[in-house]
Amino acid sequence: MERAENLSLAAWQRRASGQTRVSAKTFAAILVGSACLSAALSSWLPLQMSIVTVFLFAGPHNWFELRYFLMRLPVRFGRSRNFFAVAFGGIFFLTLAYISLPALYYTNLLSGVNWSIAIATWNTCMLLWIGALIILRGKQNYRRDWSWAVPIIFTLCALNWLRPELFSLAIVYAHPLVALWFFDRHLRRTKPEWLSTYRRCLLLLPLFIIAMSWQLGRATSLADDNGLFWRITQHAGAQLLPNVSSHMLVSMHVFLEMLHYGVWIIALPLIGATGALWNVKTIPLAQHPRGFPKSIGVVLVFSLFIVALLWVSFFLNYSVTRDVYFTVAMAHVLAEAPFLLRMI
């Protein structure tokens, strides 16, 4: 059952051992420097950086995520069959439901109280799905008791029904941090000598957030006099938090997104890629005798085509493409949950 995962891990370790050693201090300097640069740019030009980062990195980071998840997918599900059945089923139905919400809203089938109920219902289904995955994952590891997660899930469900829109906004800000967790788990397996340094650097993240909040909290709100700028400020929560500077909200969201993109596009591939990214045989599902090398190759090539199409769509109509992307991209947000649980 775990053979593919073990093959992948072994390949990562062989590659890591053959690379030039980088000191922990250099690693820390790169992390802190990247965070400082991201914070400075997002604070100085929040709207512009939001447009540029989404245009350049939204599609590619999804491709890197897809490739990373394919590397973590076992050739045989074995005892994990139920886990992956619930995972893939939840991703499909929750994504479909999420995509249908704006369609129902713009057709006036959902509005006012009904809209809040619909959002709260979707959030609840997502939380219960994650709870089910945690329970199933816990049953695969008898050395750990994951029952403590159940009351937390139900508590979050209750909080969600108090203010579903704010709960959804919290997900928007929390999601970029998941990439940092992936990086932590990956370092633990392949670069344990860097793990303590990385976690010390993570302690600086709250300081960055506090500093940006203090510096930008009283800044004049950003002008949202055109459709695109309005969409960006609303996505960051300007309408839900009218007493908070939209400059701070957009800057904070862009800062977290830049960290998110940096982990998936730069950090994980440099540390965890098994050979050339275009070499399909570095993926266990493709190199295994019972694998699917042609299918995996087709999926990756088709995904590259989607990335190129996304760039063209951004160029032709950035505002509409941005709305469509952030709706459909819920699939990759949901997909992170089961694969992260598999690494714990």
Protein backbone atom coordinates (compact mmCIF):
# COMPACT_ATOMS: atom_id res chain seq x y z
CA MET A 1 0.00 0.00 0.00
CA GLU A 2 2.73 2.45 0.95
CA ARG A 3 5.20 1.25 -1.68
CA ALA A 4 4.77 4.26 -3.95
CA GLU A 5 5.21 6.64 -1.05
CA ASN A 6 8.34 4.82 0.07
CA LEU A 7 9.76 4.87 -3.46
CA SER A 8 9.10 8.57 -3.71
CA LEU A 9 10.67 9.27 -0.33
CA ALA A 10 13.73 7.20 -1.16
CA ALA A 11 14.18 9.07 -4.42
CA TRP A 12 13.89 12.40 -2.62
CA GLN A 13 16.53 11.34 -0.12
CA ARG A 14 18.92 10.11 -2.83
CA ARG A 15 18.57 13.40 -4.66
CA ALA A 16 19.05 15.41 -1.48
CA SER A 17 22.21 13.50 -0.58
CA GLY A 18 23.68 14.21 -4.00
CA GLN A 19 23.09 17.95 -3.90
CA THR A 20 25.54 20.55 -2.69
CA ARG A 21 25.02 21.06 1.01
CA VAL A 22 23.52 24.38 1.99
CA SER A 23 24.06 25.54 5.54
CA ALA A 24 21.13 26.13 7.85
CA LYS A 25 22.15 29.79 8.16
CA THR A 26 21.99 30.26 4.40
CA PHE A 27 18.62 28.51 4.35
CA ALA A 28 17.33 30.82 7.10
CA ALA A 29 18.67 33.90 5.33
CA ILE A 30 16.85 32.94 2.14
CA LEU A 31 13.59 32.37 4.03
CA VAL A 32 13.74 35.62 5.97
CA GLY A 33 14.88 37.61 2.94
CA SER A 34 12.04 36.24 0.83
CA ALA A 35 9.49 37.05 3.54
CA CYS A 36 10.85 40.60 3.91
CA LEU A 37 10.70 41.19 0.16
CA SER A 38 7.16 39.81 -0.03
CA ALA A 39 6.01 41.96 2.88
CA ALA A 40 7.60 45.10 1.42
CA LEU A 41 6.16 44.67 -2.06
CA SER A 42 2.68 43.71 -0.85
CA SER A 43 2.60 46.70 1.52
CA TRP A 44 3.92 49.17 -1.04
CA LEU A 45 1.88 48.12 -4.09
CA PRO A 46 -0.92 45.85 -2.85
CA LEU A 47 -3.29 46.09 -5.81
CA GLN A 48 -0.54 45.90 -8.41
CA MET A 49 1.15 42.96 -6.70
CA SER A 50 -2.18 41.17 -6.38
CA ILE A 51 -2.75 41.49 -10.12
CA VAL A 52 0.80 40.48 -11.07
CA THR A 53 1.15 37.53 -8.70
CA VAL A 54 -2.19 35.99 -9.66
CA PHE A 55 -1.48 36.52 -13.36
CA LEU A 56 1.99 34.97 -13.24
CA PHE A 57 1.78 32.33 -10.54
CA ALA A 58 -1.82 31.17 -10.03
CA GLY A 59 -1.78 28.64 -12.86
CA PRO A 60 1.83 27.41 -12.47
CA HIS A 61 1.45 26.85 -8.74
CA ASN A 62 -1.58 24.64 -9.40
CA TRP A 63 0.50 22.62 -11.86
CA PHE A 64 3.28 22.17 -9.29
CA GLU A 65 0.71 21.13 -6.70
CA LEU A 66 -0.77 18.58 -9.09
CA ARG A 67 2.64 17.09 -9.80
CA TYR A 68 3.49 16.99 -6.11
CA PHE A 69 0.22 15.25 -5.26
CA LEU A 70 0.76 12.71 -8.04
CA MET A 71 4.10 11.88 -6.45
CA ARG A 72 2.37 11.28 -3.12
CA LEU A 73 -0.38 9.11 -4.59
CA PRO A 74 0.15 5.38 -3.89
CA VAL A 75 0.04 2.88 -6.73
CA ARG A 76 -2.28 0.69 -4.69
CA PHE A 77 -4.70 2.15 -2.19
CA GLY A 78 -4.89 -0.99 -0.05
CA ARG A 79 -6.10 -0.08 3.44
CA SER A 80 -6.33 3.54 2.30
CA ARG A 81 -9.10 2.73 -0.17
CA ASN A 82 -11.87 4.20 2.01
CA PHE A 83 -9.75 7.24 2.81
CA PHE A 84 -9.17 8.10 -0.83
CA ALA A 85 -12.76 7.29 -1.79
CA VAL A 86 -14.02 9.83 0.76
CA ALA A 87 -11.27 12.27 -0.23
CA PHE A 88 -11.92 12.24 -3.97
CA GLY A 89 -15.68 12.09 -3.54
CA GLY A 90 -15.59 15.08 -1.20
CA ILE A 91 -13.35 17.09 -3.51
CA PHE A 92 -15.69 16.47 -6.44
CA PHE A 93 -19.01 17.20 -4.74
CA LEU A 94 -17.79 20.10 -2.60
CA THR A 95 -16.17 21.75 -5.62
CA LEU A 96 -19.32 21.26 -7.67
CA ALA A 97 -21.43 22.76 -4.89
CA TYR A 98 -19.02 25.67 -4.47
CA ILE A 99 -19.12 26.47 -8.19
CA SER A 100 -22.92 26.38 -8.15
CA LEU A 101 -23.18 28.96 -5.34
CA PRO A 102 -22.26 32.07 -7.38
CA ALA A 103 -24.38 30.78 -10.26
CA LEU A 104 -27.39 30.56 -7.95
CA TYR A 105 -26.57 33.97 -6.48
CA TYR A 106 -26.39 35.77 -9.83
CA THR A 107 -29.66 34.18 -10.92
CA ASN A 108 -31.29 35.58 -7.75
CA LEU A 109 -32.11 32.10 -6.48
CA LEU A 110 -29.97 32.81 -3.43
CA SER A 111 -29.95 36.18 -1.71
CA GLY A 112 -29.97 37.72 1.74
CA VAL A 113 -30.52 35.18 4.50
CA ASN A 114 -30.65 32.29 2.04
CA TRP A 115 -27.16 33.17 0.83
CA SER A 116 -25.76 33.09 4.37
CA ILE A 117 -27.46 29.75 5.01
CA ALA A 118 -26.02 28.33 1.79
CA ILE A 119 -22.50 29.49 2.73
CA ALA A 120 -22.84 28.10 6.25
CA THR A 121 -24.11 24.78 4.90
CA TRP A 122 -21.19 24.46 2.49
CA ASN A 123 -18.68 25.32 5.22
CA THR A 124 -20.27 22.74 7.51
CA CYS A 125 -20.09 20.04 4.85
CA MET A 126 -16.43 20.87 4.26
CA LEU A 127 -15.63 20.66 7.98
CA LEU A 128 -17.49 17.36 8.39
CA TRP A 129 -15.65 16.00 5.34
CA ILE A 130 -12.30 16.95 6.88
CA GLY A 131 -13.44 15.38 10.14
CA ALA A 132 -14.27 12.14 8.33
CA LEU A 133 -10.83 12.15 6.70
CA ILE A 134 -9.18 12.67 10.09
CA ILE A 135 -11.09 9.73 11.56
CA LEU A 136 -10.22 7.47 8.62
CA ARG A 137 -6.59 8.51 8.75
CA GLY A 138 -6.49 7.90 12.49
CA LYS A 139 -7.70 4.34 12.00
CA GLN A 140 -4.67 3.67 9.79
CA ASN A 141 -2.25 4.61 12.55
CA TYR A 142 -3.07 2.85 15.80
CA ARG A 143 -0.21 4.58 17.61
CA ARG A 144 -2.04 7.91 17.47
CA ASP A 145 -5.37 8.93 18.93
CA TRP A 146 -6.97 11.52 16.68
CA SER A 147 -10.32 11.55 18.47
CA TRP A 148 -9.46 14.98 19.89
CA ALA A 149 -10.14 16.45 16.45
CA VAL A 150 -13.86 15.59 16.58
CA PRO A 151 -14.90 18.22 19.18
CA ILE A 152 -12.75 20.80 17.39
CA ILE A 153 -14.57 20.10 14.12
CA PHE A 154 -17.98 20.48 15.77
CA THR A 155 -16.86 23.67 17.53
CA LEU A 156 -15.77 25.13 14.19
CA CYS A 157 -19.13 24.14 12.70
CA ALA A 158 -20.92 26.05 15.45
CA LEU A 159 -18.71 29.12 15.01
CA ASN A 160 -19.33 28.97 11.29
CA TRP A 161 -23.09 29.32 11.75
CA LEU A 162 -22.60 32.48 13.83
CA ARG A 163 -20.97 34.40 10.96
CA PRO A 164 -20.60 32.20 7.87
CA GLU A 165 -19.20 35.00 5.68
CA LEU A 166 -16.47 35.80 8.20
CA PHE A 167 -15.71 32.10 8.56
CA SER A 168 -15.27 31.86 4.80
CA LEU A 169 -12.99 34.90 4.90
CA ALA A 170 -10.92 33.18 7.58
CA ILE A 171 -10.46 30.25 5.18
CA VAL A 172 -9.21 32.68 2.52
CA TYR A 173 -6.48 33.89 4.87
CA ALA A 174 -5.70 30.49 6.40
CA HIS A 175 -5.36 28.59 3.13
CA PRO A 176 -1.97 30.09 2.09
CA LEU A 177 -0.53 28.93 5.41
CA VAL A 178 -1.22 25.30 4.51
CA ALA A 179 1.69 25.42 2.05
CA LEU A 180 3.99 26.24 4.96
CA TRP A 181 2.72 23.12 6.73
CA PHE A 182 3.41 21.01 3.64
CA PHE A 183 6.94 22.39 3.56
CA ASP A 184 7.38 21.54 7.24
CA ARG A 185 6.31 17.93 6.72
CA HIS A 186 8.49 17.62 3.66
CA LEU A 187 11.56 18.95 5.47
CA ARG A 188 10.89 16.55 8.32
CA ARG A 189 11.17 13.63 5.91
CA THR A 190 13.94 14.76 3.59
CA LYS A 191 15.89 17.58 5.26
CA PRO A 192 15.55 17.05 9.02
CA GLU A 193 18.70 19.10 9.65
CA TRP A 194 16.84 22.17 8.38
CA LEU A 195 13.61 21.58 10.25
CA SER A 196 14.46 23.38 13.50
CA THR A 197 15.80 26.36 11.54
CA TYR A 198 12.64 26.49 9.45
CA ARG A 199 10.40 26.39 12.51
CA ARG A 200 12.36 29.20 14.14
CA CYS A 201 11.85 31.24 10.99
CA LEU A 202 8.13 30.51 11.15
CA LEU A 203 8.05 32.23 14.53
CA LEU A 204 8.77 35.45 12.64
CA LEU A 205 5.54 35.16 10.65
CA PRO A 206 3.32 36.54 13.45
CA LEU A 207 5.79 39.43 13.79
CA PHE A 208 5.44 40.21 10.08
CA ILE A 209 1.65 40.14 10.43
CA ILE A 210 1.69 42.37 13.52
CA ALA A 211 4.11 44.82 11.90
CA MET A 212 2.03 45.06 8.73
CA SER A 213 -1.16 45.48 10.75
CA TRP A 214 0.39 48.24 12.84
CA GLN A 215 1.91 50.02 9.84
CA LEU A 216 -1.10 49.77 7.53
CA GLY A 217 -3.98 49.63 9.99
CA ARG A 218 -4.54 53.38 9.80
CA ALA A 219 -3.66 53.72 6.13
CA THR A 220 -6.20 55.19 3.75
CA SER A 221 -8.35 52.53 2.15
CA LEU A 222 -7.51 51.63 -1.42
CA ALA A 223 -9.47 53.16 -4.26
CA ASP A 224 -11.90 50.61 -5.64
CA ASP A 225 -13.42 52.79 -8.33
CA ASN A 226 -13.13 50.17 -11.05
CA GLY A 227 -14.40 46.62 -11.25
CA LEU A 228 -11.04 44.91 -10.89
CA PHE A 229 -9.87 46.87 -7.85
CA TRP A 230 -13.29 46.38 -6.26
CA ARG A 231 -13.03 42.61 -6.77
CA ILE A 232 -9.59 42.51 -5.17
CA THR A 233 -10.65 44.50 -2.11
CA GLN A 234 -13.83 42.43 -1.70
CA HIS A 235 -11.87 39.19 -1.94
CA ALA A 236 -9.67 40.46 0.88
CA GLY A 237 -12.74 41.19 3.04
CA ALA A 238 -13.21 44.94 2.68
CA GLN A 239 -17.00 44.68 2.64
CA LEU A 240 -17.16 42.34 5.64
CA LEU A 241 -14.69 44.47 7.63
CA PRO A 242 -15.61 48.06 6.69
CA ASN A 243 -13.81 49.54 9.70
CA VAL A 244 -10.50 47.95 8.69
CA SER A 245 -8.29 49.59 6.10
CA SER A 246 -8.62 47.78 2.79
CA HIS A 247 -4.96 48.64 2.20
CA MET A 248 -4.02 46.46 5.14
CA LEU A 249 -6.40 43.65 4.14
CA VAL A 250 -5.21 43.45 0.54
CA SER A 251 -1.55 43.74 1.55
CA MET A 252 -1.92 40.97 4.12
CA HIS A 253 -3.66 38.67 1.68
CA VAL A 254 -1.12 39.33 -1.07
CA PHE A 255 1.74 38.73 1.39
CA LEU A 256 0.34 35.34 2.41
CA GLU A 257 -0.37 34.40 -1.20
CA MET A 258 3.19 35.25 -2.20
CA LEU A 259 4.49 32.93 0.51
CA HIS A 260 2.07 30.27 -0.71
CA TYR A 261 3.20 30.56 -4.33
CA GLY A 262 6.84 30.63 -3.28
CA VAL A 263 6.56 27.34 -1.42
CA TRP A 264 4.86 25.48 -4.27
CA ILE A 265 6.76 26.97 -7.21
CA ILE A 266 10.25 27.42 -5.74
CA ALA A 267 10.85 25.83 -2.34
CA LEU A 268 9.29 22.38 -2.73
CA PRO A 269 10.52 21.73 -6.29
CA LEU A 270 14.08 22.72 -5.39
CA ILE A 271 14.16 20.52 -2.32
CA GLY A 272 11.76 17.75 -3.21
CA ALA A 273 11.68 17.27 -6.99
CA THR A 274 12.97 13.88 -8.12
CA GLY A 275 14.91 14.79 -11.22
CA ALA A 276 13.68 17.01 -14.02
CA LEU A 277 10.12 18.22 -13.62
CA TRP A 278 9.29 17.09 -17.15
CA ASN A 279 10.53 13.54 -16.47
CA VAL A 280 7.35 11.55 -15.87
CA LYS A 281 9.30 8.53 -14.65
CA THR A 282 10.19 10.35 -11.45
CA ILE A 283 6.55 9.88 -10.41
CA PRO A 284 5.93 6.49 -8.71
CA LEU A 285 2.61 6.02 -10.49
CA ALA A 286 4.49 6.21 -13.79
CA GLN A 287 7.65 4.24 -12.93
CA HIS A 288 5.89 1.34 -11.22
CA PRO A 289 5.38 -1.78 -13.42
CA ARG A 290 1.65 -1.50 -12.78
CA GLY A 291 1.64 2.25 -13.12
CA PHE A 292 0.23 4.54 -15.78
CA PRO A 293 3.13 6.45 -17.39
CA LYS A 294 1.20 7.54 -20.50
CA SER A 295 -1.84 8.66 -18.52
CA ILE A 296 0.30 10.62 -16.07
CA GLY A 297 2.14 12.25 -18.98
CA VAL A 298 -1.13 13.21 -20.64
CA VAL A 299 -2.46 14.70 -17.40
CA LEU A 300 0.65 16.83 -16.88
CA VAL A 301 0.80 18.02 -20.50
CA PHE A 302 -2.92 18.82 -20.51
CA SER A 303 -2.45 20.72 -17.25
CA LEU A 304 0.29 22.80 -18.88
CA PHE A 305 -2.16 23.60 -21.66
CA ILE A 306 -4.68 24.76 -19.04
CA VAL A 307 -2.01 26.99 -17.48
CA ALA A 308 -1.29 28.56 -20.88
CA LEU A 309 -5.01 28.98 -21.51
CA LEU A 310 -5.35 30.67 -18.13
CA TRP A 311 -2.62 33.16 -19.05
CA VAL A 312 -4.36 33.95 -22.34
CA SER A 313 -7.68 34.39 -20.54
CA PHE A 314 -6.08 36.71 -18.00
CA PHE A 315 -4.67 38.77 -20.84
CA LEU A 316 -8.02 39.00 -22.64
CA ASN A 317 -10.24 39.63 -19.61
CA TYR A 318 -8.43 39.68 -16.31
CA SER A 319 -11.42 40.50 -14.08
CA VAL A 320 -13.71 37.73 -15.29
CA THR A 321 -10.89 35.18 -15.44
CA ARG A 322 -9.88 36.04 -11.89
CA ASP A 323 -13.42 35.44 -10.65
CA VAL A 324 -13.67 32.13 -12.50
CA TYR A 325 -10.23 31.01 -11.34
CA PHE A 326 -10.82 31.66 -7.64
CA THR A 327 -14.11 29.77 -7.89
CA VAL A 328 -12.79 26.69 -9.69
CA ALA A 329 -9.54 26.74 -7.70
CA MET A 330 -11.49 25.57 -4.66
CA ALA A 331 -10.73 22.07 -5.95
CA HIS A 332 -7.02 22.45 -5.22
CA VAL A 333 -7.76 24.01 -1.83
CA LEU A 334 -9.80 20.95 -0.90
CA ALA A 335 -7.24 18.54 -2.37
CA GLU A 336 -4.60 19.79 0.04
CA ALA A 337 -6.48 18.39 3.05
CA PRO A 338 -6.22 14.63 2.34
CA PHE A 339 -2.64 14.81 1.08
CA LEU A 340 -1.54 16.81 4.11
CA LEU A 341 -3.21 14.27 6.40
CA ARG A 342 -1.32 11.52 4.59
CA MET A 343 1.94 13.20 5.56
CA ILE A 344 1.10 13.43 9.27
